[in-house]
């Protein structure tokens, strides 16, 4: 996280989000709008990690944060997972396709 903050404007906002059994995601939005994230085991760990890094403030997904977000090149492909490389898709099973 320290490296991310240093590379993306010297400060960041952290949105802490529980993601079920996988733990808690800390999504960082750098001062330049670039996204980064890290998943930790629990909420206490997430809060401790954010508190340990200078120039990172806890935030929520609000207009001030979402208006500056600029995903990295390739971010959408990474988030799409296996679907990103598909050229054919199966027919819908609900009778609508």
PDB file of N, CA and C in Angstrom:
ATOM      1  N   UNK A   1       0.808  -1.188   0.000  1.00  0.00           N
ATOM      2  CA  UNK A   1       0.000   0.000   0.000  1.00  0.00           C
ATOM      3  C   UNK A   1       0.858   1.262   0.000  1.00  0.00           C
ATOM      4  N   UNK A   2       1.967   1.226   0.728  1.00  0.00           N
ATOM      5  CA  UNK A   2       2.852   2.389   0.753  1.00  0.00           C
ATOM      6  C   UNK A   2       3.383   2.684  -0.638  1.00  0.00           C
ATOM      7  N   UNK A   3       3.750   1.640  -1.367  1.00  0.00           N
ATOM      8  CA  UNK A   3       4.254   1.808  -2.732  1.00  0.00           C
ATOM      9  C   UNK A   3       3.161   2.390  -3.633  1.00  0.00           C
ATOM     10  N   UNK A   4       1.933   1.891  -3.497  1.00  0.00           N
ATOM     11  CA  UNK A   4       0.808   2.397  -4.295  1.00  0.00           C
ATOM     12  C   UNK A   4       0.619   3.887  -4.044  1.00  0.00           C
ATOM     13  N   UNK A   5       0.592   4.286  -2.775  1.00  0.00           N
ATOM     14  CA  UNK A   5       0.389   5.696  -2.431  1.00  0.00           C
ATOM     15  C   UNK A   5       1.503   6.554  -3.026  1.00  0.00           C
ATOM     16  N   UNK A   6       2.736   6.089  -2.907  1.00  0.00           N
ATOM     17  CA  UNK A   6       3.871   6.846  -3.438  1.00  0.00           C
ATOM     18  C   UNK A   6       3.794   6.994  -4.955  1.00  0.00           C
ATOM     19  N   UNK A   7       3.337   5.954  -5.643  1.00  0.00           N
ATOM     20  CA  UNK A   7       3.274   5.974  -7.110  1.00  0.00           C
ATOM     21  C   UNK A   7       2.064   6.719  -7.668  1.00  0.00           C
ATOM     22  N   UNK A   8       1.055   6.979  -6.824  1.00  0.00           N
ATOM     23  CA  UNK A   8      -0.184   7.556  -7.338  1.00  0.00           C
ATOM     24  C   UNK A   8      -0.597   8.844  -6.631  1.00  0.00           C
ATOM     25  N   UNK A   9       0.351   9.736  -6.488  1.00  0.00           N
ATOM     26  CA  UNK A   9       0.034  11.082  -6.032  1.00  0.00           C
ATOM     27  C   UNK A   9       0.323  11.377  -4.573  1.00  0.00           C
ATOM     28  N   UNK A  10       0.831  10.424  -3.814  1.00  0.00           N
ATOM     29  CA  UNK A  10       1.206  10.688  -2.431  1.00  0.00           C
ATOM     30  C   UNK A  10       0.104  10.566  -1.406  1.00  0.00           C
ATOM     31  N   UNK A  11      -1.132  10.327  -1.856  1.00  0.00           N
ATOM     32  CA  UNK A  11      -2.238  10.106  -0.926  1.00  0.00           C
ATOM     33  C   UNK A  11      -3.272   9.213  -1.606  1.00  0.00           C
ATOM     34  N   UNK A  12      -4.159   8.658  -0.786  1.00  0.00           N
ATOM     35  CA  UNK A  12      -5.194   7.783  -1.335  1.00  0.00           C
ATOM     36  C   UNK A  12      -6.383   7.730  -0.378  1.00  0.00           C
ATOM     37  N   UNK A  13      -7.514   7.361  -0.926  1.00  0.00           N
ATOM     38  CA  UNK A  13      -8.698   7.066  -0.128  1.00  0.00           C
ATOM     39  C   UNK A  13      -8.875   5.561  -0.142  1.00  0.00           C
ATOM     40  N   UNK A  14      -9.268   5.005   0.989  1.00  0.00           N
ATOM     41  CA  UNK A  14      -9.473   3.563   1.098  1.00  0.00           C
ATOM     42  C   UNK A  14     -10.940   3.290   1.379  1.00  0.00           C
ATOM     43  N   UNK A  15     -11.544   2.434   0.558  1.00  0.00           N
ATOM     44  CA  UNK A  15     -12.918   1.992   0.785  1.00  0.00           C
ATOM     45  C   UNK A  15     -12.820   0.553   1.284  1.00  0.00           C
ATOM     46  N   UNK A  16     -13.305   0.310   2.489  1.00  0.00           N
ATOM     47  CA  UNK A  16     -13.222  -1.008   3.114  1.00  0.00           C
ATOM     48  C   UNK A  16     -14.553  -1.712   2.912  1.00  0.00           C
ATOM     49  N   UNK A  17     -14.491  -2.916   2.276  1.00  0.00           N
ATOM     50  CA  UNK A  17     -15.711  -3.619   1.883  1.00  0.00           C
ATOM     51  C   UNK A  17     -15.626  -5.106   2.225  1.00  0.00           C
ATOM     52  N   UNK A  18     -16.486  -5.619   3.109  1.00  0.00           N
ATOM     53  CA  UNK A  18     -16.525  -7.057   3.341  1.00  0.00           C
ATOM     54  C   UNK A  18     -16.946  -7.776   2.059  1.00  0.00           C
ATOM     55  N   UNK A  19     -16.276  -8.898   1.756  1.00  0.00           N
ATOM     56  CA  UNK A  19     -16.593  -9.660   0.544  1.00  0.00           C
ATOM     57  C   UNK A  19     -16.917 -11.116   0.889  1.00  0.00           C
ATOM     58  N   UNK A  20     -17.658 -11.315   1.954  1.00  0.00           N
ATOM     59  CA  UNK A  20     -18.098 -12.654   2.336  1.00  0.00           C
ATOM     60  C   UNK A  20     -16.989 -13.479   2.958  1.00  0.00           C
ATOM     61  N   UNK A  21     -16.954 -14.750   2.635  1.00  0.00           N
ATOM     62  CA  UNK A  21     -15.994 -15.674   3.228  1.00  0.00           C
ATOM     63  C   UNK A  21     -14.553 -15.388   2.827  1.00  0.00           C
ATOM     64  N   UNK A  22     -14.358 -14.652   1.731  1.00  0.00           N
ATOM     65  CA  UNK A  22     -13.011 -14.332   1.267  1.00  0.00           C
ATOM     66  C   UNK A  22     -12.316 -13.290   2.131  1.00  0.00           C
ATOM     67  N   UNK A  23     -13.061 -12.548   2.921  1.00  0.00           N
ATOM     68  CA  UNK A  23     -12.457 -11.553   3.797  1.00  0.00           C
ATOM     69  C   UNK A  23     -12.978 -10.159   3.557  1.00  0.00           C
ATOM     70  N   UNK A  24     -12.061  -9.203   3.566  1.00  0.00           N
ATOM     71  CA  UNK A  24     -12.411  -7.791   3.419  1.00  0.00           C
ATOM     72  C   UNK A  24     -11.499  -7.171   2.356  1.00  0.00           C
ATOM     73  N   UNK A  25     -12.099  -6.516   1.383  1.00  0.00           N
ATOM     74  CA  UNK A  25     -11.333  -5.853   0.323  1.00  0.00           C
ATOM     75  C   UNK A  25     -11.091  -4.401   0.713  1.00  0.00           C
ATOM     76  N   UNK A  26      -9.844  -3.994   0.565  1.00  0.00           N
ATOM     77  CA  UNK A  26      -9.481  -2.586   0.729  1.00  0.00           C
ATOM     78  C   UNK A  26      -9.236  -2.064  -0.680  1.00  0.00           C
ATOM     79  N   UNK A  27     -10.130  -1.221  -1.157  1.00  0.00           N
ATOM     80  CA  UNK A  27      -9.955  -0.622  -2.475  1.00  0.00           C
ATOM     81  C   UNK A  27      -9.360   0.760  -2.284  1.00  0.00           C
ATOM     82  N   UNK A  28      -8.228   0.984  -2.911  1.00  0.00           N
ATOM     83  CA  UNK A  28      -7.558   2.275  -2.826  1.00  0.00           C
ATOM     84  C   UNK A  28      -7.835   3.093  -4.075  1.00  0.00           C
ATOM     85  N   UNK A  29      -8.066   4.368  -3.895  1.00  0.00           N
ATOM     86  CA  UNK A  29      -8.189   5.310  -5.007  1.00  0.00           C
ATOM     87  C   UNK A  29      -7.095   6.345  -4.783  1.00  0.00           C
ATOM     88  N   UNK A  30      -6.064   6.295  -5.630  1.00  0.00           N
ATOM     89  CA  UNK A  30      -4.950   7.228  -5.507  1.00  0.00           C
ATOM     90  C   UNK A  30      -5.369   8.648  -5.838  1.00  0.00           C
ATOM     91  N   UNK A  31      -4.532   9.602  -5.471  1.00  0.00           N
ATOM     92  CA  UNK A  31      -4.811  11.007  -5.767  1.00  0.00           C
ATOM     93  C   UNK A  31      -4.972  11.241  -7.261  1.00  0.00           C
ATOM     94  N   UNK A  32      -4.331  10.371  -8.075  1.00  0.00           N
ATOM     95  CA  UNK A  32      -4.460  10.478  -9.525  1.00  0.00           C
ATOM     96  C   UNK A  32      -5.653   9.701 -10.072  1.00  0.00           C
ATOM     97  N   UNK A  33      -6.431   9.069  -9.181  1.00  0.00           N
ATOM     98  CA  UNK A  33      -7.640   8.358  -9.592  1.00  0.00           C
ATOM     99  C   UNK A  33      -7.455   6.884  -9.902  1.00  0.00           C
ATOM    100  N   UNK A  34      -6.224   6.391  -9.891  1.00  0.00           N
ATOM    101  CA  UNK A  34      -5.971   4.985 -10.211  1.00  0.00           C
ATOM    102  C   UNK A  34      -6.432   4.099  -9.058  1.00  0.00           C
ATOM    103  N   UNK A  35      -7.045   2.961  -9.424  1.00  0.00           N
ATOM    104  CA  UNK A  35      -7.544   1.997  -8.442  1.00  0.00           C
ATOM    105  C   UNK A  35      -6.494   0.952  -8.108  1.00  0.00           C
ATOM    106  N   UNK A  36      -6.513   0.513  -6.874  1.00  0.00           N
ATOM    107  CA  UNK A  36      -5.712  -0.612  -6.427  1.00  0.00           C
ATOM    108  C   UNK A  36      -6.501  -1.322  -5.348  1.00  0.00           C
ATOM    109  N   UNK A  37      -6.210  -2.594  -5.108  1.00  0.00           N
ATOM    110  CA  UNK A  37      -6.939  -3.257  -4.038  1.00  0.00           C
ATOM    111  C   UNK A  37      -6.106  -4.347  -3.387  1.00  0.00           C
ATOM    112  N   UNK A  38      -6.537  -4.698  -2.189  1.00  0.00           N
ATOM    113  CA  UNK A  38      -5.891  -5.729  -1.410  1.00  0.00           C
ATOM    114  C   UNK A  38      -6.985  -6.404  -0.595  1.00  0.00           C
ATOM    115  N   UNK A  39      -6.929  -7.725  -0.482  1.00  0.00           N
ATOM    116  CA  UNK A  39      -7.901  -8.454   0.331  1.00  0.00           C
ATOM    117  C   UNK A  39      -7.191  -8.971   1.576  1.00  0.00           C
ATOM    118  N   UNK A  40      -7.794  -8.744   2.731  1.00  0.00           N
ATOM    119  CA  UNK A  40      -7.264  -9.215   4.008  1.00  0.00           C
ATOM    120  C   UNK A  40      -8.319 -10.085   4.687  1.00  0.00           C
ATOM    121  N   UNK A  41      -7.935 -10.750   5.772  1.00  0.00           N
ATOM    122  CA  UNK A  41      -8.810 -11.727   6.416  1.00  0.00           C
ATOM    123  C   UNK A  41     -10.053 -11.160   7.078  1.00  0.00           C
ATOM    124  N   UNK A  42      -9.932 -10.000   7.734  1.00  0.00           N
ATOM    125  CA  UNK A  42     -11.076  -9.504   8.499  1.00  0.00           C
ATOM    126  C   UNK A  42     -11.056  -7.973   8.598  1.00  0.00           C
ATOM    127  N   UNK A  43     -12.135  -7.437   9.143  1.00  0.00           N
ATOM    128  CA  UNK A  43     -12.318  -5.997   9.252  1.00  0.00           C
ATOM    129  C   UNK A  43     -11.269  -5.347  10.159  1.00  0.00           C
ATOM    130  N   UNK A  44     -10.919  -6.012  11.245  1.00  0.00           N
ATOM    131  CA  UNK A  44      -9.915  -5.465  12.159  1.00  0.00           C
ATOM    132  C   UNK A  44      -8.570  -5.319  11.452  1.00  0.00           C
ATOM    133  N   UNK A  45      -8.197  -6.319  10.671  1.00  0.00           N
ATOM    134  CA  UNK A  45      -6.943  -6.256   9.916  1.00  0.00           C
ATOM    135  C   UNK A  45      -6.991  -5.136   8.884  1.00  0.00           C
ATOM    136  N   UNK A  46      -8.107  -5.004   8.187  1.00  0.00           N
ATOM    137  CA  UNK A  46      -8.252  -3.949   7.174  1.00  0.00           C
ATOM    138  C   UNK A  46      -8.070  -2.569   7.803  1.00  0.00           C
ATOM    139  N   UNK A  47      -8.723  -2.339   8.920  1.00  0.00           N
ATOM    140  CA  UNK A  47      -8.601  -1.042   9.592  1.00  0.00           C
ATOM    141  C   UNK A  47      -7.180  -0.800  10.087  1.00  0.00           C
ATOM    142  N   UNK A  48      -6.519  -1.835  10.589  1.00  0.00           N
ATOM    143  CA  UNK A  48      -5.143  -1.700  11.071  1.00  0.00           C
ATOM    144  C   UNK A  48      -4.183  -1.386   9.931  1.00  0.00           C
ATOM    145  N   UNK A  49      -4.376  -2.042   8.784  1.00  0.00           N
ATOM    146  CA  UNK A  49      -3.519  -1.802   7.625  1.00  0.00           C
ATOM    147  C   UNK A  49      -3.664  -0.369   7.139  1.00  0.00           C
ATOM    148  N   UNK A  50      -4.885   0.091   7.015  1.00  0.00           N
ATOM    149  CA  UNK A  50      -5.122   1.461   6.543  1.00  0.00           C
ATOM    150  C   UNK A  50      -4.554   2.471   7.535  1.00  0.00           C
ATOM    151  N   UNK A  51      -4.727   2.225   8.822  1.00  0.00           N
ATOM    152  CA  UNK A  51      -4.216   3.147   9.847  1.00  0.00           C
ATOM    153  C   UNK A  51      -2.687   3.208   9.845  1.00  0.00           C
ATOM    154  N   UNK A  52      -2.032   2.130   9.414  1.00  0.00           N
ATOM    155  CA  UNK A  52      -0.576   2.060   9.432  1.00  0.00           C
ATOM    156  C   UNK A  52       0.090   2.778   8.262  1.00  0.00           C
ATOM    157  N   UNK A  53      -0.686   3.161   7.262  1.00  0.00           N
ATOM    158  CA  UNK A  53      -0.115   3.802   6.070  1.00  0.00           C
ATOM    159  C   UNK A  53      -0.435   5.295   6.099  1.00  0.00           C
ATOM    160  N   UNK A  54       0.607   6.120   6.026  1.00  0.00           N
ATOM    161  CA  UNK A  54       0.422   7.573   6.024  1.00  0.00           C
ATOM    162  C   UNK A  54      -0.313   8.031   4.765  1.00  0.00           C
ATOM    163  N   UNK A  55      -1.089   9.080   4.906  1.00  0.00           N
ATOM    164  CA  UNK A  55      -1.787   9.732   3.798  1.00  0.00           C
ATOM    165  C   UNK A  55      -2.860   8.870   3.152  1.00  0.00           C
ATOM    166  N   UNK A  56      -3.419   7.924   3.904  1.00  0.00           N
ATOM    167  CA  UNK A  56      -4.558   7.132   3.429  1.00  0.00           C
ATOM    168  C   UNK A  56      -5.715   7.396   4.380  1.00  0.00           C
ATOM    169  N   UNK A  57      -6.847   7.803   3.818  1.00  0.00           N
ATOM    170  CA  UNK A  57      -8.033   8.055   4.643  1.00  0.00           C
ATOM    171  C   UNK A  57      -9.139   7.094   4.247  1.00  0.00           C
ATOM    172  N   UNK A  58      -9.906   6.671   5.235  1.00  0.00           N
ATOM    173  CA  UNK A  58     -11.040   5.779   4.983  1.00  0.00           C
ATOM    174  C   UNK A  58     -12.173   6.606   4.395  1.00  0.00           C
ATOM    175  N   UNK A  59     -12.809   6.071   3.379  1.00  0.00           N
ATOM    176  CA  UNK A  59     -13.883   6.775   2.696  1.00  0.00           C
ATOM    177  C   UNK A  59     -14.991   5.782   2.347  1.00  0.00           C
ATOM    178  N   UNK A  60     -15.998   6.268   1.689  1.00  0.00           N
ATOM    179  CA  UNK A  60     -17.090   5.449   1.152  1.00  0.00           C
ATOM    180  C   UNK A  60     -17.161   5.711  -0.341  1.00  0.00           C
ATOM    181  N   UNK A  61     -17.911   4.876  -1.067  1.00  0.00           N
ATOM    182  CA  UNK A  61     -18.113   5.126  -2.494  1.00  0.00           C
ATOM    183  C   UNK A  61     -19.098   6.272  -2.629  1.00  0.00           C
ATOM    184  N   UNK A  62     -18.566   7.477  -2.603  1.00  0.00           N
ATOM    185  CA  UNK A  62     -19.379   8.677  -2.731  1.00  0.00           C
ATOM    186  C   UNK A  62     -18.921   9.462  -3.961  1.00  0.00           C
ATOM    187  N   UNK A  63     -19.643  10.479  -4.294  1.00  0.00           N
ATOM    188  CA  UNK A  63     -19.375  11.239  -5.519  1.00  0.00           C
ATOM    189  C   UNK A  63     -17.934  11.762  -5.604  1.00  0.00           C
ATOM    190  N   UNK A  64     -17.405  12.262  -4.510  1.00  0.00           N
ATOM    191  CA  UNK A  64     -16.046  12.821  -4.526  1.00  0.00           C
ATOM    192  C   UNK A  64     -15.016  11.764  -4.917  1.00  0.00           C
ATOM    193  N   UNK A  65     -15.255  10.521  -4.545  1.00  0.00           N
ATOM    194  CA  UNK A  65     -14.323   9.436  -4.873  1.00  0.00           C
ATOM    195  C   UNK A  65     -14.590   8.903  -6.281  1.00  0.00           C
ATOM    196  N   UNK A  66     -15.835   8.578  -6.577  1.00  0.00           N
ATOM    197  CA  UNK A  66     -16.143   7.965  -7.871  1.00  0.00           C
ATOM    198  C   UNK A  66     -15.884   8.907  -9.043  1.00  0.00           C
ATOM    199  N   UNK A  67     -15.940  10.204  -8.809  1.00  0.00           N
ATOM    200  CA  UNK A  67     -15.727  11.151  -9.907  1.00  0.00           C
ATOM    201  C   UNK A  67     -14.269  11.235 -10.347  1.00  0.00           C
ATOM    202  N   UNK A  68     -13.325  10.797  -9.508  1.00  0.00           N
ATOM    203  CA  UNK A  68     -11.914  10.868  -9.909  1.00  0.00           C
ATOM    204  C   UNK A  68     -11.343   9.517 -10.337  1.00  0.00           C
ATOM    205  N   UNK A  69     -12.111   8.443 -10.169  1.00  0.00           N
ATOM    206  CA  UNK A  69     -11.590   7.107 -10.479  1.00  0.00           C
ATOM    207  C   UNK A  69     -11.263   6.977 -11.959  1.00  0.00           C
ATOM    208  N   UNK A  70     -10.042   6.542 -12.235  1.00  0.00           N
ATOM    209  CA  UNK A  70      -9.563   6.293 -13.587  1.00  0.00           C
ATOM    210  C   UNK A  70      -8.884   4.928 -13.582  1.00  0.00           C
ATOM    211  N   UNK A  71      -9.603   3.864 -13.949  1.00  0.00           N
ATOM    212  CA  UNK A  71      -8.996   2.526 -13.914  1.00  0.00           C
ATOM    213  C   UNK A  71      -7.776   2.432 -14.832  1.00  0.00           C
ATOM    214  N   UNK A  72      -6.816   1.612 -14.428  1.00  0.00           N
ATOM    215  CA  UNK A  72      -5.618   1.371 -15.227  1.00  0.00           C
ATOM    216  C   UNK A  72      -5.986   0.714 -16.547  1.00  0.00           C
ATOM    217  N   UNK A  73      -5.106   0.838 -17.515  1.00  0.00           N
ATOM    218  CA  UNK A  73      -5.272   0.133 -18.779  1.00  0.00           C
ATOM    219  C   UNK A  73      -5.312  -1.363 -18.469  1.00  0.00           C
ATOM    220  N   UNK A  74      -6.287  -2.062 -19.005  1.00  0.00           N
ATOM    221  CA  UNK A  74      -6.409  -3.494 -18.775  1.00  0.00           C
ATOM    222  C   UNK A  74      -7.236  -3.875 -17.556  1.00  0.00           C
ATOM    223  N   UNK A  75      -7.660  -2.894 -16.750  1.00  0.00           N
ATOM    224  CA  UNK A  75      -8.426  -3.189 -15.539  1.00  0.00           C
ATOM    225  C   UNK A  75      -9.740  -3.908 -15.859  1.00  0.00           C
ATOM    226  N   UNK A  76     -10.436  -3.436 -16.887  1.00  0.00           N
ATOM    227  CA  UNK A  76     -11.732  -4.039 -17.225  1.00  0.00           C
ATOM    228  C   UNK A  76     -11.550  -5.487 -17.659  1.00  0.00           C
ATOM    229  N   UNK A  77     -10.517  -5.770 -18.423  1.00  0.00           N
ATOM    230  CA  UNK A  77     -10.245  -7.144 -18.867  1.00  0.00           C
ATOM    231  C   UNK A  77      -9.943  -8.039 -17.664  1.00  0.00           C
ATOM    232  N   UNK A  78      -9.150  -7.526 -16.729  1.00  0.00           N
ATOM    233  CA  UNK A  78      -8.807  -8.297 -15.529  1.00  0.00           C
ATOM    234  C   UNK A  78     -10.070  -8.615 -14.729  1.00  0.00           C
ATOM    235  N   UNK A  79     -10.941  -7.641 -14.566  1.00  0.00           N
ATOM    236  CA  UNK A  79     -12.157  -7.841 -13.784  1.00  0.00           C
ATOM    237  C   UNK A  79     -13.142  -8.763 -14.486  1.00  0.00           C
ATOM    238  N   UNK A  80     -13.102  -8.832 -15.813  1.00  0.00           N
ATOM    239  CA  UNK A  80     -14.018  -9.696 -16.564  1.00  0.00           C
ATOM    240  C   UNK A  80     -13.611 -11.157 -16.463  1.00  0.00           C
ATOM    241  N   UNK A  81     -12.363 -11.422 -16.090  1.00  0.00           N
ATOM    242  CA  UNK A  81     -11.901 -12.805 -15.930  1.00  0.00           C
ATOM    243  C   UNK A  81     -11.948 -13.567 -17.238  1.00  0.00           C
ATOM    244  N   UNK A  82     -12.413 -14.805 -17.187  1.00  0.00           N
ATOM    245  CA  UNK A  82     -12.417 -15.677 -18.366  1.00  0.00           C
ATOM    246  C   UNK A  82     -13.301 -15.135 -19.478  1.00  0.00           C
ATOM    247  N   UNK A  83     -14.298 -14.348 -19.148  1.00  0.00           N
ATOM    248  CA  UNK A  83     -15.236 -13.831 -20.154  1.00  0.00           C
ATOM    249  C   UNK A  83     -14.532 -12.875 -21.123  1.00  0.00           C
ATOM    250  N   UNK A  84     -13.485 -12.204 -20.672  1.00  0.00           N
ATOM    251  CA  UNK A  84     -12.811 -11.202 -21.490  1.00  0.00           C
ATOM    252  C   UNK A  84     -12.253 -11.767 -22.786  1.00  0.00           C
ATOM    253  N   UNK A  85     -11.896 -13.042 -22.805  1.00  0.00           N
ATOM    254  CA  UNK A  85     -11.286 -13.638 -23.989  1.00  0.00           C
ATOM    255  C   UNK A  85     -12.266 -14.460 -24.827  1.00  0.00           C
ATOM    256  N   UNK A  86     -13.527 -14.434 -24.502  1.00  0.00           N
ATOM    257  CA  UNK A  86     -14.512 -15.236 -25.216  1.00  0.00           C
ATOM    258  C   UNK A  86     -14.929 -14.587 -26.528  1.00  0.00           C
ATOM    259  N   UNK A  87     -15.127 -15.417 -27.540  1.00  0.00           N
ATOM    260  CA  UNK A  87     -15.665 -14.932 -28.814  1.00  0.00           C
ATOM    261  C   UNK A  87     -17.030 -15.546 -29.082  1.00  0.00           C
ATOM    262  N   UNK A  88     -17.352 -16.633 -28.393  1.00  0.00           N
ATOM    263  CA  UNK A  88     -18.657 -17.289 -28.515  1.00  0.00           C
ATOM    264  C   UNK A  88     -19.265 -17.423 -27.137  1.00  0.00           C
ATOM    265  N   UNK A  89     -20.562 -17.291 -27.067  1.00  0.00           N
ATOM    266  CA  UNK A  89     -21.261 -17.417 -25.800  1.00  0.00           C
ATOM    267  C   UNK A  89     -22.390 -18.434 -25.961  1.00  0.00           C
ATOM    268  N   UNK A  90     -22.686 -19.221 -24.933  1.00  0.00           N
ATOM    269  CA  UNK A  90     -23.762 -20.189 -25.033  1.00  0.00           C
ATOM    270  C   UNK A  90     -25.120 -19.509 -25.153  1.00  0.00           C
ATOM    271  N   UNK A  91     -26.079 -20.242 -25.731  1.00  0.00           N
ATOM    272  CA  UNK A  91     -27.439 -19.706 -25.837  1.00  0.00           C
ATOM    273  C   UNK A  91     -28.050 -19.619 -24.446  1.00  0.00           C
ATOM    274  N   UNK A  92     -28.902 -18.651 -24.270  1.00  0.00           N
ATOM    275  CA  UNK A  92     -29.597 -18.495 -22.994  1.00  0.00           C
ATOM    276  C   UNK A  92     -30.488 -19.708 -22.746  1.00  0.00           C
ATOM    277  N   UNK A  93     -30.566 -20.150 -21.524  1.00  0.00           N
ATOM    278  CA  UNK A  93     -31.383 -21.316 -21.178  1.00  0.00           C
ATOM    279  C   UNK A  93     -32.786 -20.940 -20.752  1.00  0.00           C
ATOM    280  N   UNK A  94     -33.087 -19.669 -20.749  1.00  0.00           N
ATOM    281  CA  UNK A  94     -34.391 -19.223 -20.290  1.00  0.00           C
ATOM    282  C   UNK A  94     -35.390 -19.017 -21.420  1.00  0.00           C
ATOM    283  N   UNK A  95     -35.040 -19.424 -22.623  1.00  0.00           N
ATOM    284  CA  UNK A  95     -35.951 -19.294 -23.764  1.00  0.00           C
ATOM    285  C   UNK A  95     -35.965 -17.924 -24.398  1.00  0.00           C
ATOM    286  N   UNK A  96     -35.209 -16.983 -23.882  1.00  0.00           N
ATOM    287  CA  UNK A  96     -35.190 -15.637 -24.443  1.00  0.00           C
ATOM    288  C   UNK A  96     -34.093 -15.433 -25.475  1.00  0.00           C
ATOM    289  N   UNK A  97     -33.164 -16.370 -25.586  1.00  0.00           N
ATOM    290  CA  UNK A  97     -32.022 -16.187 -26.498  1.00  0.00           C
ATOM    291  C   UNK A  97     -32.182 -17.002 -27.694  1.00  0.00           C
TER     292      UNK A  97
END
